[in-house]
Amino acid sequence: MSQVFNVQRALDSLANGKYAESLKNFFVSLIGLEKTRRLQYEPHFRSAMEYWFAEDHMNAMKMYEMLDKIELLFGEDSIKIKISILRAVIDFEIPDILPRLLFFCENIYNAPGVSNYPEDMSELRIIRMNLKSQAFSQWHMKMINDLDRNRKFQEAIMRNPEKSIVFDIGTGTGLLAVIAANIPGVKKVIAIEENNQLIKIAQETIVNNNCKNIVKIEWTNSLSPYFEVKKENDRPDLIVSEILDCCIFGENIISTFLDAHRRFTKKSTIFSPSNASLYGRLIYSPKINKLHCQGNFRSTYIKTFDIFQQEDPYWCCKKEDFEDLSEPKNIIDVDFQNFEKLVEFERRKDETFEIIPNKNGVCHGVAVHFLANLLPNNDISCQINSSSPNSCWDMGIFPFAEPIEVTCGVPLTLNYSINKDRLDIWCSRGFSEDKTYEIKSVEEIYNLSNREKTINNETTLDLSTSFDLKNESNLSKYTTVFTNLRRQDGSFDSEAFLRLEGAIISLKNIENITPKSVKIIGRLFKSEKIHQESRPDSNMHCHVDLLKSLKGFNLMEYRDIDLKSTNFDVEFCSDEFEIFEFDFGDVMRLAKKEYSNLSRRFQIKTISSCGPIDGVIYEFEIDGSRNNGNRAAFLFEERRSNLSKADLVFDFQEAQMLISDIVL
């Protein structure tokens, strides 16, 4: 007997937790109903769908593939269903999913009738922002816009005598692969990339630059046993791989090059970079020390006597964040070209070295930078120096657990180890065997250093750091909660807000929240530095067309803006304006989740003749006091020129914040 599908069966299956069965009945039976009747069951359909997603995350992808059928059932009233699907599939690791989802999101946002759902439009703007920023971190955009770096790799490829076959390991956007393909003498480029978000961009870059016949994309890691070079004639003449981090080793360059030596090179293969040297200097920096050391707490970047290899190997910063206490000292030299030396390097144990201070002072750690030679002959024109002010690499910082007094001319003995592509540097004088530290994240230490000194720990629950309510036995004693919604990089702390909201909903005795008021204050601004590090710049890509493949992808929020630093060229384009105020004087507003879904539009007058506008830089005013630390900024998708007024929208959905412009 054939199965009968109808709406009642769909509703009964939903009630009984048979969500797949419910959806089958909805799909078959609703199509025969008038549209007005179909729409009556849209909430039930959506509910069954979301429960089905909860059973198995992959079900969301199955529903994504049935969008045409959903459109047929509900038409323009399928917006909420589509948003639920979009929300569920946003983190899927499928090669071409990112541009497809962005296209899907744009279609929903521009669909007829979407303006009837203001909360959904707000959520869509935030999802869209996350999708556009997903392919690139702040350092990645800066790297592809580093003209000096790009030109030096181009020069290294050009000057290599044998270059018929080039491998680009970690191709990213495909920039270096196309640079290589455009050089006379290069006949084949194998571009290898494992990142599912970047692979589609790389594929489009190859097509947009007419290099499809020369460049072949491999979606894999070169270390994978499935990546093989079977024919001797297919082995590379040149391997280009920009997998250097600011301390050389952090992106597995040793393992990657050793594997290449063993499996798919020939004797004449040249590696670019061919060798690199690491330099270290002693530094004085109360700023860095405060970030990593507070009372008995130490950050996850600190080596201690009882916890040597921490979660994080090093901190990153700019030269202006510290004062030198010594000249740079050559610590490590690594020859990527020489297989035997690389094998020895991989087996290297702890090493001791000395740095001689050139002044008396208090040493808070070691700062390192590298110099890489892109060809074996150390040709200076092909060097990359990460200590250059305009370098896309930061300097690596190895902070000490305790400050060390140093004397001019008296060597300080230090140690380093390299273990599985991880570099650690420490000084035994920098920690004591008798002292035990409690390890916290940098964010938690930042909050501890900024918390109120007058907190009554008997009745106040500190939510500025991670806290598990389940591990607390006597929750009824708490009448006040303390939080900090500002991260040390200047941005809004979504996790802290969710902890606060969860605690207020769970704990019935809370009467007060500290602080009582958190205002977000903004100003329109422009900055050539931030503009170049946030949006692809065609002038920096050595005549490679990256703009088409990167269209739609750009950094939407820029963090760690130090207005006191000469490194930033921020110019304000408006007076200050209040973006939003969280009023925690009324605890019940959080208990009722009044801040879960917010959207506010406003218009800001610009300063005349301010020039192009990059976005909105923001800071926090907490109980009437402004922060003196770093700022963050939300960036417009494109620079806006000739504006007398800027139309802005503030969105806040489930603790995610966005400030964007409305192009009228």
Foldseek 3Di string as FASTA:
>chain_A
DDDDAEQVQLQVCLVVVNLVSNLVSLLPHLLPDDLVVLVVCLVVNLSSQLSVCVVPLCSLVVVVVVVVSLCSRHPLNCLVSLLSSLVSCVPDQAQPVLVVSLVSLVCSLPGPPSVVPVLSNLVSVLSLQCSQAVLDDLLRLLQLLQQLQQVLLLVLLQPQPAFQEEEEAACQLLLSVVSNLPHPRHQAYEYEHQRSSRQLNNVVLCVVSVNVRHYDYDRDHLLDPVDADDDLVNAGQEYEYPQQAFQGQQSQPLVNLLSCVVGGHDLNRWYFLFKKWKWKFFWDAPPVCLLAEDDQEGEQLEAEPVRGNGPDPWDFDAPVRTDTQADIDTDDMDGSSDNVRSVVQQVDFKDKDKTAGQAWDKTFWMKMGMKTAGGPVSDVSSIDTCNPLSHSHTITTRTFNAIDTHHGGDIAMKMWGAHSSGIHIYGPVRYDPVRDGHYDHSQLSVCVVPWDPPDDVQAEAELQGDDDPVPDDDLQSHQEYEHDQAGQQADGNLVSLVSLLVCLQVHPRHQYYPPQKKWKKKFWKDWPVSVSSWDNDCVSSNNRPSCVSSPSHTNFKFTNAQPVDPSTDIDTFFDMDIPDMDGCNPVVCSNVVVQAWDKDKDKTFTHPPRFWTFFMKIFMQTPNRTDNGIIMTGGEPDIDGPDRMWIWMWIAHSSDTHIYTDDD
